[in-house]
C-alpha atoms as a PDB file:
ATOM      1  CA  UNK A   1       0.000   0.000   0.000  1.00  0.00           C
ATOM      2  CA  UNK A   2       1.042   3.626  -0.475  1.00  0.00           C
ATOM      3  CA  UNK A   3       1.821   5.984   2.381  1.00  0.00           C
ATOM      4  CA  UNK A   4       3.229   9.486   2.837  1.00  0.00           C
ATOM      5  CA  UNK A   5       5.942   9.298   5.512  1.00  0.00           C
ATOM      6  CA  UNK A   6       7.726  12.151   7.238  1.00  0.00           C
ATOM      7  CA  UNK A   7      11.275  10.734   7.365  1.00  0.00           C
ATOM      8  CA  UNK A   8      12.900  13.843   8.831  1.00  0.00           C
ATOM      9  CA  UNK A   9      11.912  17.455   9.365  1.00  0.00           C
ATOM     10  CA  UNK A  10      11.001  18.917   6.002  1.00  0.00           C
ATOM     11  CA  UNK A  11      11.149  15.626   4.111  1.00  0.00           C
ATOM     12  CA  UNK A  12       7.992  13.790   3.044  1.00  0.00           C
ATOM     13  CA  UNK A  13       8.335  10.585   1.019  1.00  0.00           C
ATOM     14  CA  UNK A  14       5.827   8.458  -0.897  1.00  0.00           C
ATOM     15  CA  UNK A  15       6.605   4.874   0.147  1.00  0.00           C
ATOM     16  CA  UNK A  16       5.232   1.365  -0.182  1.00  0.00           C
ATOM     17  CA  UNK A  17       4.310  -0.339   3.086  1.00  0.00           C
ATOM     18  CA  UNK A  18       2.865  -3.666   4.044  1.00  0.00           C
ATOM     19  CA  UNK A  19      -0.886  -3.492   4.610  1.00  0.00           C
ATOM     20  CA  UNK A  20      -1.475  -3.809   8.387  1.00  0.00           C
ATOM     21  CA  UNK A  21      -3.644  -6.430  10.106  1.00  0.00           C
ATOM     22  CA  UNK A  22      -6.174  -5.337  12.719  1.00  0.00           C
ATOM     23  CA  UNK A  23      -5.692  -6.688  16.244  1.00  0.00           C
ATOM     24  CA  UNK A  24      -8.373  -7.478  18.790  1.00  0.00           C
ATOM     25  CA  UNK A  25     -10.907  -4.624  19.044  1.00  0.00           C
ATOM     26  CA  UNK A  26      -9.455  -2.961  15.954  1.00  0.00           C
ATOM     27  CA  UNK A  27     -10.612  -2.535  12.373  1.00  0.00           C
ATOM     28  CA  UNK A  28      -8.719  -1.996   9.144  1.00  0.00           C
ATOM     29  CA  UNK A  29      -9.755   1.285   7.605  1.00  0.00           C
ATOM     30  CA  UNK A  30      -9.430   1.961   3.897  1.00  0.00           C
ATOM     31  CA  UNK A  31      -8.819   5.686   3.994  1.00  0.00           C
ATOM     32  CA  UNK A  32     -10.911   7.693   1.567  1.00  0.00           C
ATOM     33  CA  UNK A  33     -10.214  11.292   2.617  1.00  0.00           C
ATOM     34  CA  UNK A  34      -7.671  13.066   4.828  1.00  0.00           C
ATOM     35  CA  UNK A  35      -7.405  16.820   5.393  1.00  0.00           C
ATOM     36  CA  UNK A  36      -4.257  18.882   5.773  1.00  0.00           C
ATOM     37  CA  UNK A  37      -4.588  20.700   9.085  1.00  0.00           C
ATOM     38  CA  UNK A  38      -2.904  24.064   9.633  1.00  0.00           C
ATOM     39  CA  UNK A  39      -0.876  22.344  12.366  1.00  0.00           C
ATOM     40  CA  UNK A  40       0.450  19.792   9.852  1.00  0.00           C
ATOM     41  CA  UNK A  41       2.559  22.425   8.074  1.00  0.00           C
ATOM     42  CA  UNK A  42       4.755  23.371  11.088  1.00  0.00           C
ATOM     43  CA  UNK A  43       4.717  19.721  12.138  1.00  0.00           C
ATOM     44  CA  UNK A  44       6.238  18.692   8.806  1.00  0.00           C
ATOM     45  CA  UNK A  45       8.547  21.640   8.130  1.00  0.00           C
ATOM     46  CA  UNK A  46       9.577  22.943  11.565  1.00  0.00           C
ATOM     47  CA  UNK A  47       8.818  20.800  14.583  1.00  0.00           C
ATOM     48  CA  UNK A  48       8.743  17.216  13.390  1.00  0.00           C
ATOM     49  CA  UNK A  49       6.842  14.322  14.913  1.00  0.00           C
ATOM     50  CA  UNK A  50       7.698  12.225  17.960  1.00  0.00           C
ATOM     51  CA  UNK A  51       9.643   9.679  15.909  1.00  0.00           C
ATOM     52  CA  UNK A  52      10.661   9.072  12.317  1.00  0.00           C
ATOM     53  CA  UNK A  53       9.262   7.891  10.041  1.00  0.00           C
ATOM     54  CA  UNK A  54       5.692   8.962  10.794  1.00  0.00           C
ATOM     55  CA  UNK A  55       2.628   9.156   8.597  1.00  0.00           C
ATOM     56  CA  UNK A  56       1.013  12.498   9.423  1.00  0.00           C
ATOM     57  CA  UNK A  57      -2.685  13.347   9.184  1.00  0.00           C
ATOM     58  CA  UNK A  58      -5.349  13.370  11.905  1.00  0.00           C
ATOM     59  CA  UNK A  59      -8.454  14.527   9.985  1.00  0.00           C
ATOM     60  CA  UNK A  60      -9.619  11.458   8.101  1.00  0.00           C
ATOM     61  CA  UNK A  61     -12.479   9.163   7.181  1.00  0.00           C
ATOM     62  CA  UNK A  62     -12.801   5.884   5.354  1.00  0.00           C
ATOM     63  CA  UNK A  63     -14.410   2.469   4.955  1.00  0.00           C
ATOM     64  CA  UNK A  64     -13.966  -0.514   7.264  1.00  0.00           C
ATOM     65  CA  UNK A  65     -12.684  -3.416   5.158  1.00  0.00           C
ATOM     66  CA  UNK A  66     -11.419  -5.903   7.760  1.00  0.00           C
ATOM     67  CA  UNK A  67     -12.213  -6.717  11.391  1.00  0.00           C
ATOM     68  CA  UNK A  68      -9.969  -7.854  14.219  1.00  0.00           C
ATOM     69  CA  UNK A  69     -10.998 -10.321  16.895  1.00  0.00           C
ATOM     70  CA  UNK A  70     -13.938  -9.434  19.143  1.00  0.00           C
ATOM     71  CA  UNK A  71     -15.252  -6.804  16.725  1.00  0.00           C
ATOM     72  CA  UNK A  72     -18.949  -6.592  15.918  1.00  0.00           C
ATOM     73  CA  UNK A  73     -19.471  -8.048  12.427  1.00  0.00           C
ATOM     74  CA  UNK A  74     -21.954  -5.299  11.607  1.00  0.00           C
ATOM     75  CA  UNK A  75     -19.054  -2.829  11.383  1.00  0.00           C
ATOM     76  CA  UNK A  76     -17.723  -4.420   8.193  1.00  0.00           C
ATOM     77  CA  UNK A  77     -18.090  -2.050   5.212  1.00  0.00           C
ATOM     78  CA  UNK A  78     -19.282   0.797   7.430  1.00  0.00           C
ATOM     79  CA  UNK A  79     -18.198   4.330   6.537  1.00  0.00           C
ATOM     80  CA  UNK A  80     -16.622   6.152   9.480  1.00  0.00           C
ATOM     81  CA  UNK A  81     -14.738   9.220  10.656  1.00  0.00           C
ATOM     82  CA  UNK A  82     -12.024   8.795  13.285  1.00  0.00           C
ATOM     83  CA  UNK A  83     -11.456  10.520  16.637  1.00  0.00           C
ATOM     84  CA  UNK A  84      -7.650  10.963  16.562  1.00  0.00           C
ATOM     85  CA  UNK A  85      -6.790  10.759  20.279  1.00  0.00           C
ATOM     86  CA  UNK A  86      -5.680   7.328  21.500  1.00  0.00           C
ATOM     87  CA  UNK A  87      -6.237   7.456  25.279  1.00  0.00           C
ATOM     88  CA  UNK A  88      -4.677   5.143  27.853  1.00  0.00           C
ATOM     89  CA  UNK A  89      -8.051   4.498  29.610  1.00  0.00           C
ATOM     90  CA  UNK A  90      -6.285   4.234  33.003  1.00  0.00           C
ATOM     91  CA  UNK A  91      -5.322   7.757  34.135  1.00  0.00           C
ATOM     92  CA  UNK A  92      -7.623   9.949  36.238  1.00  0.00           C
ATOM     93  CA  UNK A  93      -8.858  11.884  33.198  1.00  0.00           C
ATOM     94  CA  UNK A  94      -9.680   8.821  31.151  1.00  0.00           C
ATOM     95  CA  UNK A  95     -11.553   7.364  34.112  1.00  0.00           C
ATOM     96  CA  UNK A  96     -13.673  10.532  34.238  1.00  0.00           C
ATOM     97  CA  UNK A  97     -14.251  10.363  30.467  1.00  0.00           C
ATOM     98  CA  UNK A  98     -12.088  13.400  29.663  1.00  0.00           C
ATOM     99  CA  UNK A  99     -10.112  11.515  27.038  1.00  0.00           C
ATOM    100  CA  UNK A 100      -8.449  14.509  25.351  1.00  0.00           C
ATOM    101  CA  UNK A 101      -6.818  15.314  28.711  1.00  0.00           C
ATOM    102  CA  UNK A 102      -5.302  11.817  28.964  1.00  0.00           C
ATOM    103  CA  UNK A 103      -1.906  11.906  30.694  1.00  0.00           C
ATOM    104  CA  UNK A 104      -0.490   9.073  28.557  1.00  0.00           C
ATOM    105  CA  UNK A 105      -2.201   9.564  25.211  1.00  0.00           C
ATOM    106  CA  UNK A 106      -1.100   8.715  21.694  1.00  0.00           C
ATOM    107  CA  UNK A 107      -2.344  10.547  18.624  1.00  0.00           C
ATOM    108  CA  UNK A 108      -2.891   9.649  15.000  1.00  0.00           C
ATOM    109  CA  UNK A 109      -0.584  11.691  12.795  1.00  0.00           C
ATOM    110  CA  UNK A 110       2.028  12.763  15.350  1.00  0.00           C
ATOM    111  CA  UNK A 111       2.739  10.000  17.883  1.00  0.00           C
ATOM    112  CA  UNK A 112       1.201   7.249  15.736  1.00  0.00           C
ATOM    113  CA  UNK A 113       0.894   6.860  11.980  1.00  0.00           C
ATOM    114  CA  UNK A 114      -2.038   8.861  10.681  1.00  0.00           C
ATOM    115  CA  UNK A 115      -4.273   9.316   7.700  1.00  0.00           C
ATOM    116  CA  UNK A 116      -2.047  10.038   4.696  1.00  0.00           C
ATOM    117  CA  UNK A 117      -1.897   6.390   3.644  1.00  0.00           C
ATOM    118  CA  UNK A 118      -4.222   3.923   1.993  1.00  0.00           C
ATOM    119  CA  UNK A 119      -4.942   1.691   5.021  1.00  0.00           C
ATOM    120  CA  UNK A 120      -4.710   2.144   8.784  1.00  0.00           C
ATOM    121  CA  UNK A 121      -5.757   0.070  11.797  1.00  0.00           C
ATOM    122  CA  UNK A 122      -8.064   1.928  14.187  1.00  0.00           C
ATOM    123  CA  UNK A 123      -9.526   0.883  17.584  1.00  0.00           C
ATOM    124  CA  UNK A 124     -13.296   0.527  17.577  1.00  0.00           C
ATOM    125  CA  UNK A 125     -13.433   3.120  20.379  1.00  0.00           C
ATOM    126  CA  UNK A 126     -12.328   5.820  17.910  1.00  0.00           C
ATOM    127  CA  UNK A 127     -14.901   5.100  15.195  1.00  0.00           C
ATOM    128  CA  UNK A 128     -17.625   7.620  14.387  1.00  0.00           C
ATOM    129  CA  UNK A 129     -20.092   6.006  11.942  1.00  0.00           C
ATOM    130  CA  UNK A 130     -21.245   8.261   9.113  1.00  0.00           C
ATOM    131  CA  UNK A 131     -24.807   8.485   7.883  1.00  0.00           C
ATOM    132  CA  UNK A 132     -25.648   8.198   4.192  1.00  0.00           C
ATOM    133  CA  UNK A 133     -26.014  11.993   4.088  1.00  0.00           C
ATOM    134  CA  UNK A 134     -22.349  12.539   4.987  1.00  0.00           C
ATOM    135  CA  UNK A 135     -19.635  12.056   2.361  1.00  0.00           C
ATOM    136  CA  UNK A 136     -16.085  10.910   3.138  1.00  0.00           C
ATOM    137  CA  UNK A 137     -14.841  14.449   2.579  1.00  0.00           C
ATOM    138  CA  UNK A 138     -17.367  15.803   5.065  1.00  0.00           C
ATOM    139  CA  UNK A 139     -16.407  12.981   7.438  1.00  0.00           C
ATOM    140  CA  UNK A 140     -12.786  14.111   7.302  1.00  0.00           C
ATOM    141  CA  UNK A 141     -13.992  17.598   8.263  1.00  0.00           C
ATOM    142  CA  UNK A 142     -15.713  16.410  11.457  1.00  0.00           C
ATOM    143  CA  UNK A 143     -12.510  16.790  13.485  1.00  0.00           C
ATOM    144  CA  UNK A 144     -11.835  20.489  12.716  1.00  0.00           C
ATOM    145  CA  UNK A 145     -15.563  21.253  12.821  1.00  0.00           C
ATOM    146  CA  UNK A 146     -15.797  19.753  16.305  1.00  0.00           C
ATOM    147  CA  UNK A 147     -12.753  21.700  17.525  1.00  0.00           C
ATOM    148  CA  UNK A 148     -14.545  24.860  16.361  1.00  0.00           C
ATOM    149  CA  UNK A 149     -17.780  23.740  18.008  1.00  0.00           C
ATOM    150  CA  UNK A 150     -15.955  23.182  21.311  1.00  0.00           C
ATOM    151  CA  UNK A 151     -14.812  26.813  21.332  1.00  0.00           C
ATOM    152  CA  UNK A 152     -18.398  28.024  20.976  1.00  0.00           C
ATOM    153  CA  UNK A 153     -19.616  25.545  23.596  1.00  0.00           C
ATOM    154  CA  UNK A 154     -17.024  26.840  26.092  1.00  0.00           C
ATOM    155  CA  UNK A 155     -17.851  30.479  25.304  1.00  0.00           C
ATOM    156  CA  UNK A 156     -21.311  30.070  26.874  1.00  0.00           C
ATOM    157  CA  UNK A 157     -22.810  32.014  24.010  1.00  0.00           C
ATOM    158  CA  UNK A 158     -26.305  33.415  24.507  1.00  0.00           C
ATOM    159  CA  UNK A 159     -28.990  34.251  21.976  1.00  0.00           C
ATOM    160  CA  UNK A 160     -28.334  37.682  20.549  1.00  0.00           C
ATOM    161  CA  UNK A 161     -24.618  37.822  21.424  1.00  0.00           C
ATOM    162  CA  UNK A 162     -22.224  39.541  19.039  1.00  0.00           C
ATOM    163  CA  UNK A 163     -19.151  37.458  18.175  1.00  0.00           C
ATOM    164  CA  UNK A 164     -15.761  38.390  16.729  1.00  0.00           C
ATOM    165  CA  UNK A 165     -13.291  35.816  15.435  1.00  0.00           C
ATOM    166  CA  UNK A 166      -9.657  36.683  14.790  1.00  0.00           C
ATOM    167  CA  UNK A 167      -8.523  34.305  12.063  1.00  0.00           C
ATOM    168  CA  UNK A 168     -10.597  33.558   8.959  1.00  0.00           C
ATOM    169  CA  UNK A 169      -9.050  30.191   8.195  1.00  0.00           C
ATOM    170  CA  UNK A 170     -11.086  26.966   8.211  1.00  0.00           C
ATOM    171  CA  UNK A 171     -11.361  26.862  12.008  1.00  0.00           C
ATOM    172  CA  UNK A 172     -12.335  30.530  12.228  1.00  0.00           C
ATOM    173  CA  UNK A 173     -14.999  30.122   9.558  1.00  0.00           C
ATOM    174  CA  UNK A 174     -16.355  27.029  11.295  1.00  0.00           C
ATOM    175  CA  UNK A 175     -16.437  28.906  14.619  1.00  0.00           C
ATOM    176  CA  UNK A 176     -18.447  31.621  12.862  1.00  0.00           C
ATOM    177  CA  UNK A 177     -20.909  29.075  11.503  1.00  0.00           C
ATOM    178  CA  UNK A 178     -21.365  27.434  14.903  1.00  0.00           C
ATOM    179  CA  UNK A 179     -21.907  30.890  16.441  1.00  0.00           C
ATOM    180  CA  UNK A 180     -24.641  31.566  13.894  1.00  0.00           C
ATOM    181  CA  UNK A 181     -26.263  28.209  14.638  1.00  0.00           C
ATOM    182  CA  UNK A 182     -26.100  29.008  18.361  1.00  0.00           C
ATOM    183  CA  UNK A 183     -28.085  32.212  17.859  1.00  0.00           C
ATOM    184  CA  UNK A 184     -25.439  34.924  17.542  1.00  0.00           C
ATOM    185  CA  UNK A 185     -26.855  38.287  16.527  1.00  0.00           C
ATOM    186  CA  UNK A 186     -23.891  39.328  14.360  1.00  0.00           C
ATOM    187  CA  UNK A 187     -20.532  37.702  13.593  1.00  0.00           C
ATOM    188  CA  UNK A 188     -17.386  39.480  12.395  1.00  0.00           C
ATOM    189  CA  UNK A 189     -14.174  37.874  11.099  1.00  0.00           C
ATOM    190  CA  UNK A 190     -10.699  39.434  10.985  1.00  0.00           C
ATOM    191  CA  UNK A 191      -7.578  38.259   9.163  1.00  0.00           C
ATOM    192  CA  UNK A 192      -4.291  39.598   7.776  1.00  0.00           C
ATOM    193  CA  UNK A 193      -4.478  37.463   4.612  1.00  0.00           C
ATOM    194  CA  UNK A 194      -6.422  39.334   1.937  1.00  0.00           C
ATOM    195  CA  UNK A 195      -7.115  36.076   0.084  1.00  0.00           C
ATOM    196  CA  UNK A 196      -8.634  34.584   3.228  1.00  0.00           C
ATOM    197  CA  UNK A 197     -10.762  37.714   3.634  1.00  0.00           C
ATOM    198  CA  UNK A 198     -11.973  37.460   0.048  1.00  0.00           C
ATOM    199  CA  UNK A 199     -12.703  33.740   0.491  1.00  0.00           C
ATOM    200  CA  UNK A 200     -14.779  34.374   3.626  1.00  0.00           C
ATOM    201  CA  UNK A 201     -16.704  37.147   1.905  1.00  0.00           C
ATOM    202  CA  UNK A 202     -17.498  34.776  -0.961  1.00  0.00           C
ATOM    203  CA  UNK A 203     -19.040  32.446   1.645  1.00  0.00           C
ATOM    204  CA  UNK A 204     -21.567  35.216   2.325  1.00  0.00           C
ATOM    205  CA  UNK A 205     -20.142  36.486   5.611  1.00  0.00           C
ATOM    206  CA  UNK A 206     -21.179  40.117   5.777  1.00  0.00           C
ATOM    207  CA  UNK A 207     -18.583  41.452   8.209  1.00  0.00           C
ATOM    208  CA  UNK A 208     -15.043  40.419   7.260  1.00  0.00           C
ATOM    209  CA  UNK A 209     -12.186  42.851   7.907  1.00  0.00           C
ATOM    210  CA  UNK A 210      -8.457  43.268   7.529  1.00  0.00           C
ATOM    211  CA  UNK A 211      -6.781  43.013  10.936  1.00  0.00           C
ATOM    212  CA  UNK A 212      -4.569  46.094  11.060  1.00  0.00           C
ATOM    213  CA  UNK A 213      -4.946  46.662  14.798  1.00  0.00           C
ATOM    214  CA  UNK A 214      -5.815  50.322  14.222  1.00  0.00           C
ATOM    215  CA  UNK A 215      -9.319  50.343  12.771  1.00  0.00           C
ATOM    216  CA  UNK A 216     -10.506  47.073  14.329  1.00  0.00           C
ATOM    217  CA  UNK A 217     -12.672  48.678  16.998  1.00  0.00           C
ATOM    218  CA  UNK A 218     -14.224  51.089  14.511  1.00  0.00           C
ATOM    219  CA  UNK A 219     -15.093  48.182  12.213  1.00  0.00           C
ATOM    220  CA  UNK A 220     -16.558  46.153  15.070  1.00  0.00           C
ATOM    221  CA  UNK A 221     -18.705  49.051  16.270  1.00  0.00           C
ATOM    222  CA  UNK A 222     -19.940  49.718  12.738  1.00  0.00           C
ATOM    223  CA  UNK A 223     -20.845  46.057  12.341  1.00  0.00           C
ATOM    224  CA  UNK A 224     -22.454  45.810  15.790  1.00  0.00           C
ATOM    225  CA  UNK A 225     -24.395  49.111  15.868  1.00  0.00           C
ATOM    226  CA  UNK A 226     -21.936  50.890  18.120  1.00  0.00           C
ATOM    227  CA  UNK A 227     -21.240  47.971  20.450  1.00  0.00           C
ATOM    228  CA  UNK A 228     -18.165  45.825  21.024  1.00  0.00           C
ATOM    229  CA  UNK A 229     -18.297  42.029  21.165  1.00  0.00           C
ATOM    230  CA  UNK A 230     -19.776  39.795  23.838  1.00  0.00           C
ATOM    231  CA  UNK A 231     -17.456  36.991  22.737  1.00  0.00           C
ATOM    232  CA  UNK A 232     -14.131  37.129  20.897  1.00  0.00           C
ATOM    233  CA  UNK A 233     -12.392  33.973  19.680  1.00  0.00           C
ATOM    234  CA  UNK A 234      -8.622  34.019  19.127  1.00  0.00           C
ATOM    235  CA  UNK A 235      -8.016  31.489  16.344  1.00  0.00           C
ATOM    236  CA  UNK A 236      -4.545  32.480  15.120  1.00  0.00           C
ATOM    237  CA  UNK A 237      -2.131  31.857  17.986  1.00  0.00           C
ATOM    238  CA  UNK A 238      -0.214  35.142  17.839  1.00  0.00           C
ATOM    239  CA  UNK A 239       0.277  37.992  20.310  1.00  0.00           C
ATOM    240  CA  UNK A 240      -1.040  40.727  18.027  1.00  0.00           C
ATOM    241  CA  UNK A 241      -4.355  38.917  17.704  1.00  0.00           C
ATOM    242  CA  UNK A 242      -4.548  38.128  21.422  1.00  0.00           C
ATOM    243  CA  UNK A 243      -4.149  41.785  22.359  1.00  0.00           C
ATOM    244  CA  UNK A 244      -6.762  42.759  19.771  1.00  0.00           C
ATOM    245  CA  UNK A 245      -9.183  40.252  21.306  1.00  0.00           C
ATOM    246  CA  UNK A 246      -9.092  41.891  24.721  1.00  0.00           C
ATOM    247  CA  UNK A 247      -9.586  45.328  23.190  1.00  0.00           C
ATOM    248  CA  UNK A 248     -12.574  44.004  21.200  1.00  0.00           C
ATOM    249  CA  UNK A 249     -14.717  42.728  24.069  1.00  0.00           C
ATOM    250  CA  UNK A 250     -17.294  44.847  25.829  1.00  0.00           C
ATOM    251  CA  UNK A 251     -17.408  44.960  29.628  1.00  0.00           C
ATOM    252  CA  UNK A 252     -17.882  41.485  31.151  1.00  0.00           C
ATOM    253  CA  UNK A 253     -17.072  39.970  27.741  1.00  0.00           C
ATOM    254  CA  UNK A 254     -15.315  36.668  27.066  1.00  0.00           C
ATOM    255  CA  UNK A 255     -12.118  35.901  25.151  1.00  0.00           C
ATOM    256  CA  UNK A 256     -11.774  32.283  23.973  1.00  0.00           C
ATOM    257  CA  UNK A 257      -8.220  31.112  23.316  1.00  0.00           C
ATOM    258  CA  UNK A 258      -8.332  28.577  20.468  1.00  0.00           C
ATOM    259  CA  UNK A 259      -5.333  29.191  18.178  1.00  0.00           C
ATOM    260  CA  UNK A 260      -2.152  27.147  18.622  1.00  0.00           C
ATOM    261  CA  UNK A 261       0.770  29.503  19.401  1.00  0.00           C
ATOM    262  CA  UNK A 262       3.986  28.973  17.440  1.00  0.00           C
ATOM    263  CA  UNK A 263       6.034  31.452  19.501  1.00  0.00           C
ATOM    264  CA  UNK A 264       5.825  33.179  22.875  1.00  0.00           C
ATOM    265  CA  UNK A 265       2.636  35.121  23.525  1.00  0.00           C
ATOM    266  CA  UNK A 266       3.205  38.634  24.889  1.00  0.00           C
ATOM    267  CA  UNK A 267       0.446  40.512  26.685  1.00  0.00           C
ATOM    268  CA  UNK A 268       0.749  44.292  26.488  1.00  0.00           C
ATOM    269  CA  UNK A 269       0.350  46.251  29.719  1.00  0.00           C
ATOM    270  CA  UNK A 270      -2.610  48.224  28.362  1.00  0.00           C
ATOM    271  CA  UNK A 271      -4.275  44.951  27.361  1.00  0.00           C
ATOM    272  CA  UNK A 272      -3.858  43.531  30.846  1.00  0.00           C
ATOM    273  CA  UNK A 273      -5.254  46.765  32.268  1.00  0.00           C
ATOM    274  CA  UNK A 274      -8.261  46.644  29.929  1.00  0.00           C
ATOM    275  CA  UNK A 275      -8.978  43.038  30.808  1.00  0.00           C
ATOM    276  CA  UNK A 276      -9.102  43.908  34.520  1.00  0.00           C
ATOM    277  CA  UNK A 277     -11.174  47.054  34.056  1.00  0.00           C
ATOM    278  CA  UNK A 278     -13.689  45.277  31.855  1.00  0.00           C
ATOM    279  CA  UNK A 279     -13.740  42.274  34.227  1.00  0.00           C
ATOM    280  CA  UNK A 280     -13.270  40.213  31.113  1.00  0.00           C
ATOM    281  CA  UNK A 281     -13.110  36.451  31.169  1.00  0.00           C
ATOM    282  CA  UNK A 282     -10.480  34.347  29.398  1.00  0.00           C
ATOM    283  CA  UNK A 283     -11.503  30.803  28.487  1.00  0.00           C
ATOM    284  CA  UNK A 284      -8.989  28.341  27.093  1.00  0.00           C
ATOM    285  CA  UNK A 285      -9.973  25.373  24.950  1.00  0.00           C
ATOM    286  CA  UNK A 286      -8.141  22.300  23.767  1.00  0.00           C
ATOM    287  CA  UNK A 287      -9.415  19.901  21.149  1.00  0.00           C
ATOM    288  CA  UNK A 288     -13.000  18.795  21.919  1.00  0.00           C
ATOM    289  CA  UNK A 289     -15.211  16.520  24.005  1.00  0.00           C
ATOM    290  CA  UNK A 290     -15.511  12.863  23.045  1.00  0.00           C
ATOM    291  CA  UNK A 291     -17.491  10.905  25.618  1.00  0.00           C
ATOM    292  CA  UNK A 292     -18.906   7.773  24.072  1.00  0.00           C
ATOM    293  CA  UNK A 293     -21.882   7.451  26.398  1.00  0.00           C
ATOM    294  CA  UNK A 294     -22.314  11.024  27.682  1.00  0.00           C
ATOM    295  CA  UNK A 295     -22.020  14.445  26.066  1.00  0.00           C
ATOM    296  CA  UNK A 296     -20.223  13.905  22.762  1.00  0.00           C
ATOM    297  CA  UNK A 297     -19.417  16.928  20.620  1.00  0.00           C
ATOM    298  CA  UNK A 298     -18.499  14.635  17.719  1.00  0.00           C
ATOM    299  CA  UNK A 299     -22.081  13.401  17.651  1.00  0.00           C
ATOM    300  CA  UNK A 300     -23.318  16.998  17.673  1.00  0.00           C
ATOM    301  CA  UNK A 301     -21.183  17.770  14.612  1.00  0.00           C
ATOM    302  CA  UNK A 302     -22.220  14.576  12.864  1.00  0.00           C
ATOM    303  CA  UNK A 303     -25.886  15.313  13.452  1.00  0.00           C
ATOM    304  CA  UNK A 304     -25.476  18.880  12.165  1.00  0.00           C
ATOM    305  CA  UNK A 305     -23.857  17.550   8.981  1.00  0.00           C
ATOM    306  CA  UNK A 306     -26.494  14.862   8.593  1.00  0.00           C
ATOM    307  CA  UNK A 307     -29.355  17.362   8.621  1.00  0.00           C
ATOM    308  CA  UNK A 308     -27.343  19.861   6.500  1.00  0.00           C
ATOM    309  CA  UNK A 309     -27.410  22.508   9.215  1.00  0.00           C
ATOM    310  CA  UNK A 310     -23.618  22.869   9.062  1.00  0.00           C
ATOM    311  CA  UNK A 311     -21.761  23.286   5.767  1.00  0.00           C
ATOM    312  CA  UNK A 312     -18.131  22.214   5.427  1.00  0.00           C
ATOM    313  CA  UNK A 313     -17.538  21.098   1.830  1.00  0.00           C
ATOM    314  CA  UNK A 314     -17.348  24.654   0.526  1.00  0.00           C
ATOM    315  CA  UNK A 315     -14.180  25.127   2.606  1.00  0.00           C
ATOM    316  CA  UNK A 316     -12.293  22.513   0.549  1.00  0.00           C
ATOM    317  CA  UNK A 317     -10.148  24.440  -1.917  1.00  0.00           C
ATOM    318  CA  UNK A 318      -7.854  21.652  -3.189  1.00  0.00           C
ATOM    319  CA  UNK A 319      -8.091  17.873  -3.591  1.00  0.00           C
ATOM    320  CA  UNK A 320      -5.277  15.495  -4.486  1.00  0.00           C
ATOM    321  CA  UNK A 321      -4.750  11.786  -4.975  1.00  0.00           C
ATOM    322  CA  UNK A 322      -2.115  10.231  -2.719  1.00  0.00           C
ATOM    323  CA  UNK A 323       0.561  10.436  -5.450  1.00  0.00           C
ATOM    324  CA  UNK A 324       0.236  14.243  -5.452  1.00  0.00           C
ATOM    325  CA  UNK A 325      -0.072  14.917  -1.716  1.00  0.00           C
ATOM    326  CA  UNK A 326       3.587  15.859  -1.212  1.00  0.00           C
ATOM    327  CA  UNK A 327       3.362  18.450  -3.963  1.00  0.00           C
ATOM    328  CA  UNK A 328       0.237  19.857  -2.307  1.00  0.00           C
ATOM    329  CA  UNK A 329       2.056  20.162   1.041  1.00  0.00           C
ATOM    330  CA  UNK A 330       4.946  21.971  -0.658  1.00  0.00           C
ATOM    331  CA  UNK A 331       2.642  24.394  -2.478  1.00  0.00           C
ATOM    332  CA  UNK A 332       0.917  25.288   0.798  1.00  0.00           C
ATOM    333  CA  UNK A 333       4.213  25.652   2.673  1.00  0.00           C
ATOM    334  CA  UNK A 334       5.754  27.801  -0.068  1.00  0.00           C
ATOM    335  CA  UNK A 335       2.548  29.892  -0.261  1.00  0.00           C
ATOM    336  CA  UNK A 336       2.210  29.188  -3.970  1.00  0.00           C
ATOM    337  CA  UNK A 337      -1.520  28.588  -3.556  1.00  0.00           C
ATOM    338  CA  UNK A 338      -4.281  29.842  -1.308  1.00  0.00           C
ATOM    339  CA  UNK A 339      -5.582  26.931   0.765  1.00  0.00           C
ATOM    340  CA  UNK A 340      -8.513  27.028   3.148  1.00  0.00           C
ATOM    341  CA  UNK A 341      -8.765  23.246   3.458  1.00  0.00           C
ATOM    342  CA  UNK A 342      -6.716  20.958   1.241  1.00  0.00           C
ATOM    343  CA  UNK A 343      -7.511  17.266   1.224  1.00  0.00           C
ATOM    344  CA  UNK A 344      -6.257  13.915   0.019  1.00  0.00           C
ATOM    345  CA  UNK A 345      -9.142  12.077  -1.651  1.00  0.00           C
ATOM    346  CA  UNK A 346      -8.489   8.476  -2.649  1.00  0.00           C
ATOM    347  CA  UNK A 347     -10.397   7.155  -5.685  1.00  0.00           C
ATOM    348  CA  UNK A 348     -12.411  10.362  -5.851  1.00  0.00           C
ATOM    349  CA  UNK A 349     -15.643   8.696  -4.717  1.00  0.00           C
ATOM    350  CA  UNK A 350     -17.666  10.418  -2.027  1.00  0.00           C
ATOM    351  CA  UNK A 351     -19.552   7.264  -1.060  1.00  0.00           C
ATOM    352  CA  UNK A 352     -19.113   3.569  -1.877  1.00  0.00           C
END
């Protein structure tokens, strides 16, 4: 089978591997779609994975083609998305069902081989069955869509709230869509990439602005009839955006920290002062909630996709077969193309 391996920092290789066999309580997944996450670019070109070689990719979906021992026979040929965290099931957080906080976790695409290959063994615990209304490409988008949903869940949004999102990438756009579904009055997006701004505007978002730090508050107040935001989501992971977030909230507002930082975050003195004077709240989020038999944000996302309440396919800007995935990574890294969500799609069939 074919796989895309990261053999050292900055070096992806298309290789042939032996097709794996599922163990007890595992299935063999024929991967049909795998998205390139924004975190995959620094992982490949700057930070590396936890060992080499590693197959990256944690946003994926596929078809179950083989079952290990003790696996329900009804799972054969099912179409599924995959929760990428591999918990230990023994630490205090796993025992409370908070699997993303596992103290001894593994993870598809960084600590374990991930989705940029033709076949992968997956524990049954991690399977999220797809309905007939959800394509493989949409299934591969459940992971980022659920991360975005988690940010809105933690914000404690109320009907009629005004929401600002700094970062108009795929996560920021998905946060905006969840905010609209949750009853936000108005939503505004900010970015420094003019192509991202144009892309978001083409998705029919009314209030999308260039983040210059100077006119942000004027733009927010124009969009929100003179008011600042009840909720501001930081979805970029940089200091400039973080400081803008605090300035953008009204009194008693909430800042949600969602973006992964790639360098030190510096809080300006005036920002700290504003946060205190406004009695603002900072909420941090990590990943999402995946509780198989309790509250499960993955099921919320799946249900929203099933009934077509949430759109994700219009965020996919590029598709590539596995033979062309490395070239796609390089084009994104070298900024030769604009990419909202790029995706490996094997065989090009949405459902089979």
